[in-house]
């Protein structure tokens, strides 16, 4: 499984729905200000290429992780 982390605010509704269809599971991590809400998309290896290509073509910035990042790890990444 691969885990794509994308800032919720950069996604248009149609993009979000398309990424949801490519992912096995979608979770939204909600943070208080000044931090942004993040979407974590769980993607099976068979859909990795399709997910990545769609995000790249649409110009959607993402981080990809081989293991699911914890809420604390996501927050630490925004503090940098």
Protein backbone atom coordinates (compact mmCIF):
# COMPACT_ATOMS: atom_id res chain seq x y z
CA UNK A 1 0.00 0.00 0.00
CA UNK A 2 1.15 3.54 -0.78
CA UNK A 3 -0.06 6.63 1.04
CA UNK A 4 -0.46 9.92 -0.81
CA UNK A 5 -0.81 13.06 1.30
CA UNK A 6 -2.41 16.07 -0.37
CA UNK A 7 -3.54 19.40 1.08
CA UNK A 8 -7.33 19.48 0.95
CA UNK A 9 -7.53 23.10 -0.16
CA UNK A 10 -5.57 22.51 -3.40
CA UNK A 11 -8.12 19.99 -4.68
CA UNK A 12 -11.10 20.91 -6.78
CA UNK A 13 -14.18 18.77 -6.19
CA UNK A 14 -13.78 16.81 -9.45
CA UNK A 15 -10.12 16.10 -8.72
CA UNK A 16 -10.96 14.92 -5.22
CA UNK A 17 -13.66 12.57 -6.52
CA UNK A 18 -11.35 11.11 -9.19
CA UNK A 19 -8.60 10.49 -6.64
CA UNK A 20 -11.11 8.84 -4.32
CA UNK A 21 -12.03 6.41 -7.09
CA UNK A 22 -8.37 5.51 -7.60
CA UNK A 23 -7.73 5.01 -3.88
CA UNK A 24 -8.73 2.09 -1.70
CA UNK A 25 -9.46 4.46 1.20
CA UNK A 26 -9.53 8.23 1.70
CA UNK A 27 -9.18 9.92 5.06
CA UNK A 28 -9.24 13.63 5.85
CA UNK A 29 -7.10 14.74 8.76
CA UNK A 30 -8.61 17.93 10.18
CA UNK A 31 -6.27 20.35 11.92
CA UNK A 32 -6.90 23.65 13.68
CA UNK A 33 -5.49 26.88 12.30
CA UNK A 34 -2.83 27.75 11.29
CA UNK A 35 -2.44 24.25 9.83
CA UNK A 36 -4.17 22.97 6.73
CA UNK A 37 -6.42 19.92 6.49
CA UNK A 38 -4.81 16.99 4.71
CA UNK A 39 -6.20 14.13 2.65
CA UNK A 40 -4.53 10.76 3.00
CA UNK A 41 -5.25 8.44 0.09
CA UNK A 42 -4.43 4.74 0.58
CA UNK A 43 -3.48 3.40 -2.85
CA UNK A 44 -2.88 -0.24 -3.76
CA UNK A 45 0.24 -0.95 -5.85
CA UNK A 46 -1.87 -1.72 -8.94
CA UNK A 47 -3.32 1.83 -8.89
CA UNK A 48 -0.10 3.64 -7.90
CA UNK A 49 0.86 4.59 -11.48
CA UNK A 50 -2.66 5.79 -12.37
CA UNK A 51 -2.95 7.85 -9.18
CA UNK A 52 0.47 9.45 -9.62
CA UNK A 53 -0.09 10.21 -13.32
CA UNK A 54 -3.45 11.85 -12.64
CA UNK A 55 -1.99 14.00 -9.85
CA UNK A 56 0.98 14.99 -12.02
CA UNK A 57 -1.12 15.86 -15.08
CA UNK A 58 -3.49 17.91 -12.91
CA UNK A 59 -0.56 19.67 -11.22
CA UNK A 60 -1.57 18.45 -7.77
CA UNK A 61 1.34 18.56 -5.29
CA UNK A 62 1.61 15.45 -3.11
CA UNK A 63 3.87 13.52 -0.80
CA UNK A 64 4.00 9.75 -1.07
CA UNK A 65 4.89 7.42 1.81
CA UNK A 66 5.45 3.64 1.86
CA UNK A 67 3.86 3.43 5.32
CA UNK A 68 0.90 5.34 6.68
CA UNK A 69 2.02 8.54 8.40
CA UNK A 70 0.62 9.16 11.86
CA UNK A 71 -1.29 12.32 12.69
CA UNK A 72 1.75 13.55 14.63
CA UNK A 73 4.02 12.93 11.65
CA UNK A 74 1.66 14.89 9.39
CA UNK A 75 1.60 17.77 11.85
CA UNK A 76 5.40 17.70 12.22
CA UNK A 77 5.70 17.96 8.44
CA UNK A 78 3.69 21.18 8.45
CA UNK A 79 5.73 22.71 11.27
CA UNK A 80 8.94 22.67 9.23
